[in-house]
């Protein structure tokens, strides 16, 4: 669907607003993608930690049982060595996952900063495009506003009043 009245389509501000909304939508997709990837990694890390603790518990039980008995049982030693080997392999996977999370958090911060700056730019251009002297139709305004509202991302606003005010202004119907 094409937006904008014929006269206003020629306006650079209208085209800039549409372009900024498209960029913000892509940035929001990137943020959402990174956050879902982090959720998967966190789940995997939790499962691996449970497996490691279980293997340690099994190993500790067998070692304690072995120390109390006088019988030398080879299969219990093999089980302990196997459990410790698997634990070491899982631990290396955990280290890799933690490094991936660390890199990803930095990337997520950058993506969010890009998104915020795009939203800030979008707000200033939106104010010009939606001004009273503009010739943009109400339907086009509503469509652009809906696109802005669909930009969904999870942000912790508790400590950043500037970001909260920027997003509040952008998502308000003016």
N, C-alpha and C. Protein backbone atom coordinates (compact mmCIF):
# COMPACT_ATOMS: atom_id res chain seq x y z
N UNK A 1 0.84 -1.17 0.00
CA UNK A 1 0.00 0.00 0.00
C UNK A 1 0.89 1.23 0.00
N UNK A 2 0.51 2.21 -0.79
CA UNK A 2 1.30 3.42 -0.89
C UNK A 2 0.71 4.48 0.03
N UNK A 3 1.56 5.13 0.76
CA UNK A 3 1.10 6.13 1.70
C UNK A 3 1.32 7.53 1.15
N UNK A 4 0.58 8.47 1.68
CA UNK A 4 0.81 9.88 1.36
C UNK A 4 -0.06 10.39 0.24
N UNK A 5 -0.52 11.63 0.40
CA UNK A 5 -1.26 12.26 -0.68
C UNK A 5 -0.28 12.61 -1.78
N UNK A 6 -0.78 12.87 -2.96
CA UNK A 6 0.12 13.10 -4.09
C UNK A 6 1.04 14.29 -3.84
N UNK A 7 0.47 15.37 -3.27
CA UNK A 7 1.31 16.55 -3.05
C UNK A 7 2.37 16.29 -1.97
N UNK A 8 1.96 15.59 -0.93
CA UNK A 8 2.87 15.41 0.19
C UNK A 8 3.89 14.32 -0.05
N UNK A 9 3.62 13.44 -1.01
CA UNK A 9 4.59 12.38 -1.31
C UNK A 9 5.92 12.96 -1.76
N UNK A 10 5.87 14.12 -2.35
CA UNK A 10 7.10 14.75 -2.84
C UNK A 10 7.93 15.32 -1.68
N UNK A 11 7.34 15.42 -0.52
CA UNK A 11 8.02 16.01 0.61
C UNK A 11 9.16 15.10 1.07
N UNK A 12 10.31 15.71 1.24
CA UNK A 12 11.46 14.97 1.73
C UNK A 12 11.25 14.48 3.15
N UNK A 13 10.53 15.27 3.96
CA UNK A 13 10.30 14.88 5.35
C UNK A 13 9.45 13.62 5.44
N UNK A 14 8.44 13.52 4.59
CA UNK A 14 7.59 12.33 4.60
C UNK A 14 8.41 11.10 4.23
N UNK A 15 9.21 11.21 3.18
CA UNK A 15 10.06 10.09 2.76
C UNK A 15 11.08 9.74 3.82
N UNK A 16 11.61 10.77 4.48
CA UNK A 16 12.56 10.52 5.58
C UNK A 16 11.88 9.77 6.72
N UNK A 17 10.65 10.16 7.04
CA UNK A 17 9.93 9.50 8.12
C UNK A 17 9.71 8.03 7.79
N UNK A 18 9.28 7.76 6.57
CA UNK A 18 9.05 6.37 6.16
C UNK A 18 10.36 5.58 6.23
N UNK A 19 11.45 6.17 5.76
CA UNK A 19 12.75 5.50 5.80
C UNK A 19 13.21 5.26 7.24
N UNK A 20 13.01 6.25 8.10
CA UNK A 20 13.40 6.08 9.50
C UNK A 20 12.57 4.99 10.18
N UNK A 21 11.28 4.93 9.85
CA UNK A 21 10.44 3.88 10.42
C UNK A 21 10.93 2.51 9.96
N UNK A 22 11.28 2.39 8.69
CA UNK A 22 11.79 1.11 8.18
C UNK A 22 13.09 0.72 8.89
N UNK A 23 13.99 1.68 9.07
CA UNK A 23 15.24 1.39 9.78
C UNK A 23 14.97 1.01 11.24
N UNK A 24 14.05 1.71 11.88
CA UNK A 24 13.72 1.39 13.27
C UNK A 24 13.09 0.00 13.37
N UNK A 25 12.28 -0.38 12.39
CA UNK A 25 11.69 -1.71 12.39
C UNK A 25 12.78 -2.78 12.28
N UNK A 26 13.77 -2.53 11.42
CA UNK A 26 14.88 -3.49 11.28
C UNK A 26 15.70 -3.56 12.57
N UNK A 27 15.96 -2.41 13.19
CA UNK A 27 16.72 -2.39 14.43
C UNK A 27 15.95 -3.10 15.54
N UNK A 28 14.63 -2.92 15.60
CA UNK A 28 13.81 -3.59 16.61
C UNK A 28 13.82 -5.10 16.39
N UNK A 29 13.79 -5.52 15.11
CA UNK A 29 13.89 -6.95 14.82
C UNK A 29 15.22 -7.51 15.31
N UNK A 30 16.30 -6.74 15.10
CA UNK A 30 17.61 -7.17 15.57
C UNK A 30 17.66 -7.30 17.08
N UNK A 31 17.08 -6.34 17.78
CA UNK A 31 17.04 -6.39 19.25
C UNK A 31 16.24 -7.61 19.70
N UNK A 32 15.07 -7.81 19.10
CA UNK A 32 14.24 -8.96 19.48
C UNK A 32 14.95 -10.28 19.18
N UNK A 33 15.64 -10.34 18.05
CA UNK A 33 16.36 -11.56 17.69
C UNK A 33 17.47 -11.86 18.70
N UNK A 34 18.23 -10.83 19.06
CA UNK A 34 19.29 -11.03 20.04
C UNK A 34 18.73 -11.46 21.39
N UNK A 35 17.64 -10.84 21.80
CA UNK A 35 17.07 -11.20 23.09
C UNK A 35 16.53 -12.63 23.09
N UNK A 36 15.94 -13.08 21.98
CA UNK A 36 15.47 -14.47 21.95
C UNK A 36 16.64 -15.44 21.93
N UNK A 37 17.73 -15.07 21.26
CA UNK A 37 18.94 -15.90 21.26
C UNK A 37 19.49 -16.01 22.68
N UNK A 38 19.50 -14.90 23.41
CA UNK A 38 19.99 -14.93 24.79
C UNK A 38 19.12 -15.81 25.66
N UNK A 39 17.82 -15.78 25.44
CA UNK A 39 16.93 -16.62 26.23
C UNK A 39 17.24 -18.10 25.99
N UNK A 40 17.51 -18.45 24.74
CA UNK A 40 17.85 -19.85 24.43
C UNK A 40 19.17 -20.24 25.08
N UNK A 41 20.15 -19.35 25.02
CA UNK A 41 21.45 -19.66 25.61
C UNK A 41 21.32 -19.78 27.12
N UNK A 42 20.56 -18.89 27.75
CA UNK A 42 20.37 -18.97 29.20
C UNK A 42 19.71 -20.29 29.60
N UNK A 43 18.74 -20.73 28.82
CA UNK A 43 18.09 -22.01 29.10
C UNK A 43 19.08 -23.15 28.98
N UNK A 44 19.90 -23.13 27.91
CA UNK A 44 20.90 -24.18 27.73
C UNK A 44 21.90 -24.18 28.88
N UNK A 45 22.32 -23.00 29.32
CA UNK A 45 23.27 -22.89 30.43
C UNK A 45 22.65 -23.48 31.70
N UNK A 46 21.38 -23.18 31.96
CA UNK A 46 20.71 -23.71 33.14
C UNK A 46 20.65 -25.24 33.09
N UNK A 47 20.30 -25.79 31.95
CA UNK A 47 20.24 -27.25 31.82
C UNK A 47 21.62 -27.87 32.02
N UNK A 48 22.65 -27.26 31.42
CA UNK A 48 24.01 -27.78 31.58
C UNK A 48 24.47 -27.72 33.03
N UNK A 49 24.11 -26.65 33.72
CA UNK A 49 24.47 -26.56 35.14
C UNK A 49 23.80 -27.65 35.96
N UNK A 50 22.55 -27.94 35.65
CA UNK A 50 21.84 -29.01 36.36
C UNK A 50 22.52 -30.35 36.10
N UNK A 51 22.93 -30.58 34.85
CA UNK A 51 23.61 -31.84 34.51
C UNK A 51 24.94 -31.93 35.25
N UNK A 52 25.69 -30.83 35.29
CA UNK A 52 26.99 -30.83 35.99
C UNK A 52 26.79 -31.14 37.47
N UNK A 53 25.84 -30.47 38.11
CA UNK A 53 25.60 -30.74 39.53
C UNK A 53 25.17 -32.19 39.75
N UNK A 54 24.36 -32.71 38.86
CA UNK A 54 23.94 -34.12 38.99
C UNK A 54 25.13 -35.06 38.88
N UNK A 55 25.99 -34.81 37.91
CA UNK A 55 27.17 -35.67 37.74
C UNK A 55 28.11 -35.57 38.94
N UNK A 56 28.27 -34.37 39.48
CA UNK A 56 29.08 -34.23 40.68
C UNK A 56 28.47 -34.98 41.85
N UNK A 57 27.16 -34.92 41.98
CA UNK A 57 26.49 -35.62 43.08
C UNK A 57 26.67 -37.13 42.94
N UNK A 58 26.51 -37.64 41.72
CA UNK A 58 26.70 -39.07 41.49
C UNK A 58 28.14 -39.48 41.79
N UNK A 59 29.08 -38.66 41.31
CA UNK A 59 30.50 -38.95 41.56
C UNK A 59 30.80 -38.93 43.05
N UNK A 60 30.29 -37.94 43.75
CA UNK A 60 30.54 -37.84 45.19
C UNK A 60 29.94 -39.04 45.92
N UNK A 61 28.76 -39.45 45.53
CA UNK A 61 28.12 -40.61 46.16
C UNK A 61 28.98 -41.86 45.95
N UNK A 62 29.44 -42.07 44.73
CA UNK A 62 30.24 -43.27 44.43
C UNK A 62 31.58 -43.22 45.17
N UNK A 63 32.19 -42.05 45.23
CA UNK A 63 33.48 -41.92 45.93
C UNK A 63 33.29 -42.21 47.42
N UNK A 64 32.25 -41.64 48.01
CA UNK A 64 32.01 -41.89 49.44
C UNK A 64 31.73 -43.37 49.68
N UNK A 65 30.94 -43.96 48.82
CA UNK A 65 30.63 -45.39 48.94
C UNK A 65 31.91 -46.21 48.76
N UNK A 66 32.75 -45.82 47.83
CA UNK A 66 34.00 -46.54 47.55
C UNK A 66 34.94 -46.46 48.75
N UNK A 67 35.02 -45.27 49.36
CA UNK A 67 35.92 -45.11 50.50
C UNK A 67 35.46 -45.91 51.72
N UNK A 68 34.16 -46.12 51.85
CA UNK A 68 33.65 -46.86 53.00
C UNK A 68 33.76 -48.37 52.83
N UNK A 69 33.85 -48.80 51.58
CA UNK A 69 33.88 -50.26 51.36
C UNK A 69 35.32 -50.75 51.22
N UNK A 70 35.50 -52.00 51.51
CA UNK A 70 36.82 -52.60 51.39
C UNK A 70 37.02 -53.24 50.03
N UNK A 71 35.95 -53.35 49.29
CA UNK A 71 36.02 -54.04 48.00
C UNK A 71 36.45 -53.04 46.92
N UNK A 72 37.38 -53.44 46.10
CA UNK A 72 37.85 -52.61 45.00
C UNK A 72 36.98 -52.90 43.78
N UNK A 73 36.10 -51.97 43.46
CA UNK A 73 35.19 -52.19 42.35
C UNK A 73 35.58 -51.29 41.18
N UNK A 74 36.03 -51.92 40.14
CA UNK A 74 36.54 -51.21 38.97
C UNK A 74 35.44 -50.43 38.24
N UNK A 75 34.24 -50.97 38.17
CA UNK A 75 33.19 -50.28 37.40
C UNK A 75 32.82 -48.93 38.04
N UNK A 76 32.90 -48.82 39.36
CA UNK A 76 32.60 -47.55 40.00
C UNK A 76 33.67 -46.51 39.68
N UNK A 77 34.88 -46.91 39.59
CA UNK A 77 35.96 -45.99 39.20
C UNK A 77 35.75 -45.53 37.76
N UNK A 78 35.33 -46.45 36.91
CA UNK A 78 35.06 -46.09 35.51
C UNK A 78 33.90 -45.10 35.43
N UNK A 79 32.87 -45.30 36.22
CA UNK A 79 31.72 -44.38 36.24
C UNK A 79 32.17 -42.99 36.70
N UNK A 80 33.01 -42.95 37.72
CA UNK A 80 33.50 -41.66 38.22
C UNK A 80 34.31 -40.95 37.14
N UNK A 81 35.21 -41.67 36.50
CA UNK A 81 36.03 -41.06 35.44
C UNK A 81 35.16 -40.59 34.28
N UNK A 82 34.16 -41.38 33.92
CA UNK A 82 33.25 -40.98 32.84
C UNK A 82 32.48 -39.71 33.24
N UNK A 83 31.97 -39.68 34.47
CA UNK A 83 31.22 -38.51 34.94
C UNK A 83 32.09 -37.27 34.95
N UNK A 84 33.33 -37.40 35.39
CA UNK A 84 34.23 -36.25 35.43
C UNK A 84 34.60 -35.80 34.01
N UNK A 85 34.76 -36.73 33.08
CA UNK A 85 35.06 -36.37 31.69
C UNK A 85 33.88 -35.63 31.06
N UNK A 86 32.69 -36.15 31.26
CA UNK A 86 31.49 -35.48 30.73
C UNK A 86 31.34 -34.11 31.36
N UNK A 87 31.61 -34.01 32.64
CA UNK A 87 31.52 -32.71 33.33
C UNK A 87 32.51 -31.72 32.72
N UNK A 88 33.71 -32.14 32.43
CA UNK A 88 34.71 -31.26 31.83
C UNK A 88 34.25 -30.79 30.45
N UNK A 89 33.68 -31.70 29.66
CA UNK A 89 33.17 -31.31 28.33
C UNK A 89 32.01 -30.32 28.45
N UNK A 90 31.12 -30.57 29.37
CA UNK A 90 30.00 -29.65 29.57
C UNK A 90 30.50 -28.30 30.07
N UNK A 91 31.48 -28.34 30.95
CA UNK A 91 32.04 -27.09 31.46
C UNK A 91 32.64 -26.25 30.33
N UNK A 92 33.31 -26.89 29.38
CA UNK A 92 33.87 -26.14 28.25
C UNK A 92 32.76 -25.51 27.41
N UNK A 93 31.63 -26.21 27.27
CA UNK A 93 30.48 -25.65 26.56
C UNK A 93 29.92 -24.45 27.33
N UNK A 94 29.88 -24.56 28.65
CA UNK A 94 29.42 -23.44 29.47
C UNK A 94 30.30 -22.21 29.29
N UNK A 95 31.59 -22.41 29.27
CA UNK A 95 32.52 -21.29 29.08
C UNK A 95 32.27 -20.63 27.73
N UNK A 96 32.06 -21.45 26.69
CA UNK A 96 31.76 -20.90 25.36
C UNK A 96 30.46 -20.11 25.38
N UNK A 97 29.44 -20.65 26.04
CA UNK A 97 28.15 -19.95 26.13
C UNK A 97 28.26 -18.64 26.89
N UNK A 98 29.02 -18.63 27.97
CA UNK A 98 29.20 -17.39 28.72
C UNK A 98 29.93 -16.34 27.89
N UNK A 99 30.93 -16.76 27.11
CA UNK A 99 31.62 -15.81 26.23
C UNK A 99 30.68 -15.28 25.16
N UNK A 100 29.83 -16.16 24.63
CA UNK A 100 28.85 -15.74 23.63
C UNK A 100 27.86 -14.74 24.22
N UNK A 101 27.43 -14.98 25.44
CA UNK A 101 26.53 -14.04 26.11
C UNK A 101 27.20 -12.68 26.33
N UNK A 102 28.46 -12.71 26.70
CA UNK A 102 29.19 -11.47 26.95
C UNK A 102 29.30 -10.64 25.67
N UNK A 103 29.68 -11.29 24.56
CA UNK A 103 29.76 -10.59 23.28
C UNK A 103 28.39 -10.08 22.85
N UNK A 104 27.39 -10.93 23.03
CA UNK A 104 26.05 -10.58 22.61
C UNK A 104 25.46 -9.42 23.38
N UNK A 105 25.78 -9.31 24.66
CA UNK A 105 25.28 -8.19 25.45
C UNK A 105 25.83 -6.87 24.93
N UNK A 106 27.10 -6.87 24.54
CA UNK A 106 27.67 -5.65 23.96
C UNK A 106 26.98 -5.32 22.64
N UNK A 107 26.73 -6.33 21.84
CA UNK A 107 26.05 -6.12 20.57
C UNK A 107 24.61 -5.64 20.80
N UNK A 108 23.95 -6.17 21.81
CA UNK A 108 22.60 -5.75 22.13
C UNK A 108 22.57 -4.29 22.56
N UNK A 109 23.54 -3.88 23.36
CA UNK A 109 23.62 -2.47 23.76
C UNK A 109 23.76 -1.56 22.56
N UNK A 110 24.59 -1.96 21.61
CA UNK A 110 24.78 -1.16 20.39
C UNK A 110 23.48 -1.10 19.60
N UNK A 111 22.82 -2.24 19.43
CA UNK A 111 21.55 -2.28 18.68
C UNK A 111 20.49 -1.41 19.35
N UNK A 112 20.42 -1.46 20.68
CA UNK A 112 19.44 -0.62 21.38
C UNK A 112 19.78 0.86 21.23
N UNK A 113 21.06 1.19 21.29
CA UNK A 113 21.45 2.59 21.11
C UNK A 113 21.08 3.08 19.71
N UNK A 114 21.29 2.22 18.73
CA UNK A 114 20.90 2.58 17.36
C UNK A 114 19.39 2.78 17.29
N UNK A 115 18.66 1.88 17.89
CA UNK A 115 17.20 1.98 17.88
C UNK A 115 16.74 3.27 18.55
N UNK A 116 17.32 3.61 19.70
CA UNK A 116 16.93 4.82 20.41
C UNK A 116 17.23 6.07 19.58
N UNK A 117 18.39 6.09 18.95
CA UNK A 117 18.72 7.27 18.14
C UNK A 117 17.78 7.37 16.93
N UNK A 118 17.44 6.22 16.35
CA UNK A 118 16.47 6.24 15.25
C UNK A 118 15.10 6.72 15.73
N UNK A 119 14.70 6.27 16.90
CA UNK A 119 13.42 6.72 17.44
C UNK A 119 13.42 8.21 17.74
N UNK A 120 14.54 8.70 18.20
CA UNK A 120 14.65 10.14 18.48
C UNK A 120 14.55 10.94 17.18
N UNK A 121 15.28 10.49 16.15
CA UNK A 121 15.18 11.15 14.85
C UNK A 121 13.77 11.05 14.29
N UNK A 122 13.17 9.88 14.45
CA UNK A 122 11.82 9.67 13.95
C UNK A 122 10.85 10.63 14.61
N UNK A 123 11.02 10.87 15.89
CA UNK A 123 10.13 11.77 16.60
C UNK A 123 10.20 13.19 16.03
N UNK A 124 11.41 13.68 15.81
CA UNK A 124 11.53 15.05 15.30
C UNK A 124 10.95 15.17 13.89
N UNK A 125 11.20 14.17 13.04
CA UNK A 125 10.65 14.20 11.68
C UNK A 125 9.13 14.02 11.73
N UNK A 126 8.66 13.15 12.62
CA UNK A 126 7.22 12.92 12.75
C UNK A 126 6.50 14.20 13.12
N UNK A 127 7.09 14.99 14.00
CA UNK A 127 6.47 16.26 14.41
C UNK A 127 6.30 17.19 13.21
N UNK A 128 7.32 17.23 12.35
CA UNK A 128 7.21 18.08 11.16
C UNK A 128 6.14 17.55 10.20
N UNK A 129 6.17 16.25 9.96
CA UNK A 129 5.24 15.65 9.01
C UNK A 129 3.80 15.74 9.52
N UNK A 130 3.60 15.58 10.82
CA UNK A 130 2.26 15.58 11.38
C UNK A 130 1.79 16.98 11.78
N UNK A 131 2.56 18.00 11.46
CA UNK A 131 2.18 19.36 11.85
C UNK A 131 0.88 19.76 11.17
N UNK A 132 0.27 20.80 11.70
CA UNK A 132 -1.05 21.20 11.21
C UNK A 132 -1.01 21.67 9.76
N UNK A 133 0.08 22.26 9.32
CA UNK A 133 0.13 22.75 7.94
C UNK A 133 0.49 21.66 6.93
N UNK A 134 0.75 20.45 7.42
CA UNK A 134 1.07 19.37 6.49
C UNK A 134 -0.18 18.93 5.75
N UNK A 135 0.03 18.37 4.58
CA UNK A 135 -1.10 17.93 3.75
C UNK A 135 -1.24 16.41 3.78
N UNK A 136 -0.76 15.80 4.81
CA UNK A 136 -0.86 14.35 4.92
C UNK A 136 -2.25 13.98 5.43
N UNK A 137 -2.81 12.93 4.89
CA UNK A 137 -4.16 12.54 5.27
C UNK A 137 -4.16 11.87 6.64
N UNK A 138 -5.34 11.83 7.24
CA UNK A 138 -5.48 11.19 8.55
C UNK A 138 -5.20 9.70 8.46
N UNK A 139 -5.57 9.09 7.35
CA UNK A 139 -5.31 7.65 7.17
C UNK A 139 -3.81 7.38 7.13
N UNK A 140 -3.09 8.23 6.39
CA UNK A 140 -1.63 8.06 6.32
C UNK A 140 -1.00 8.28 7.69
N UNK A 141 -1.51 9.28 8.42
CA UNK A 141 -0.99 9.50 9.78
C UNK A 141 -1.23 8.26 10.64
N UNK A 142 -2.44 7.72 10.54
CA UNK A 142 -2.77 6.53 11.34
C UNK A 142 -1.89 5.35 10.96
N UNK A 143 -1.66 5.15 9.65
CA UNK A 143 -0.82 4.04 9.21
C UNK A 143 0.62 4.19 9.71
N UNK A 144 1.15 5.40 9.61
CA UNK A 144 2.51 5.63 10.10
C UNK A 144 2.57 5.43 11.62
N UNK A 145 1.54 5.91 12.31
CA UNK A 145 1.51 5.76 13.77
C UNK A 145 1.43 4.29 14.16
N UNK A 146 0.64 3.51 13.42
CA UNK A 146 0.55 2.07 13.72
C UNK A 146 1.89 1.39 13.50
N UNK A 147 2.60 1.78 12.45
CA UNK A 147 3.93 1.19 12.22
C UNK A 147 4.86 1.52 13.38
N UNK A 148 4.77 2.74 13.86
CA UNK A 148 5.61 3.12 15.00
C UNK A 148 5.23 2.32 16.25
N UNK A 149 3.95 2.09 16.45
CA UNK A 149 3.53 1.32 17.63
C UNK A 149 3.93 -0.14 17.54
N UNK A 150 4.05 -0.65 16.32
CA UNK A 150 4.40 -2.07 16.15
C UNK A 150 5.87 -2.34 16.44
N UNK A 151 6.65 -1.30 16.49
CA UNK A 151 8.07 -1.49 16.81
C UNK A 151 8.12 -1.90 18.27
N UNK A 152 8.20 -3.21 18.45
CA UNK A 152 8.17 -3.71 19.83
C UNK A 152 9.56 -4.16 20.24
N UNK A 153 9.96 -3.75 21.40
CA UNK A 153 11.22 -4.18 21.96
C UNK A 153 11.12 -4.09 23.47
N UNK A 154 11.89 -4.88 24.14
CA UNK A 154 11.86 -4.92 25.60
C UNK A 154 12.99 -4.07 26.12
N UNK A 155 12.60 -3.06 26.89
CA UNK A 155 13.60 -2.15 27.42
C UNK A 155 13.32 -1.93 28.90
N UNK A 156 14.39 -1.86 29.65
CA UNK A 156 14.26 -1.54 31.07
C UNK A 156 14.32 -0.02 31.20
N UNK A 157 13.15 0.60 31.39
CA UNK A 157 13.08 2.06 31.46
C UNK A 157 13.38 2.61 32.86
N UNK A 158 13.58 1.75 33.81
CA UNK A 158 13.67 2.19 35.20
C UNK A 158 14.75 3.24 35.43
N UNK A 159 15.88 3.11 34.74
CA UNK A 159 17.01 3.98 35.02
C UNK A 159 17.29 4.98 33.92
N UNK A 160 16.45 5.06 32.91
CA UNK A 160 16.76 5.96 31.81
C UNK A 160 15.54 6.79 31.45
N UNK A 161 15.42 7.96 32.09
CA UNK A 161 14.28 8.84 31.86
C UNK A 161 14.28 9.41 30.45
N UNK A 162 15.47 9.66 29.90
CA UNK A 162 15.55 10.23 28.55
C UNK A 162 14.95 9.27 27.52
N UNK A 163 15.31 8.01 27.59
CA UNK A 163 14.77 7.01 26.66
C UNK A 163 13.27 6.88 26.86
N UNK A 164 12.84 6.90 28.09
CA UNK A 164 11.40 6.79 28.37
C UNK A 164 10.64 7.95 27.75
N UNK A 165 11.16 9.16 27.88
CA UNK A 165 10.46 10.31 27.32
C UNK A 165 10.48 10.29 25.80
N UNK A 166 11.59 9.83 25.21
CA UNK A 166 11.67 9.75 23.75
C UNK A 166 10.63 8.77 23.24
N UNK A 167 10.60 7.59 23.81
CA UNK A 167 9.65 6.58 23.32
C UNK A 167 8.22 6.97 23.64
N UNK A 168 7.98 7.63 24.76
CA UNK A 168 6.63 8.07 25.10
C UNK A 168 6.15 9.09 24.07
N UNK A 169 7.02 10.03 23.68
CA UNK A 169 6.65 11.03 22.67
C UNK A 169 6.39 10.39 21.32
N UNK A 170 7.22 9.43 20.94
CA UNK A 170 7.08 8.82 19.64
C UNK A 170 5.80 8.01 19.55
N UNK A 171 5.48 7.28 20.62
CA UNK A 171 4.33 6.38 20.56
C UNK A 171 3.02 7.07 20.95
N UNK A 172 3.09 8.35 21.25
CA UNK A 172 1.84 9.04 21.59
C UNK A 172 1.13 9.45 20.30
N UNK A 173 -0.17 9.46 20.35
CA UNK A 173 -0.95 9.86 19.18
C UNK A 173 -1.11 11.38 19.21
N UNK A 174 -0.39 12.04 18.35
CA UNK A 174 -0.47 13.51 18.29
C UNK A 174 -0.93 13.92 16.92
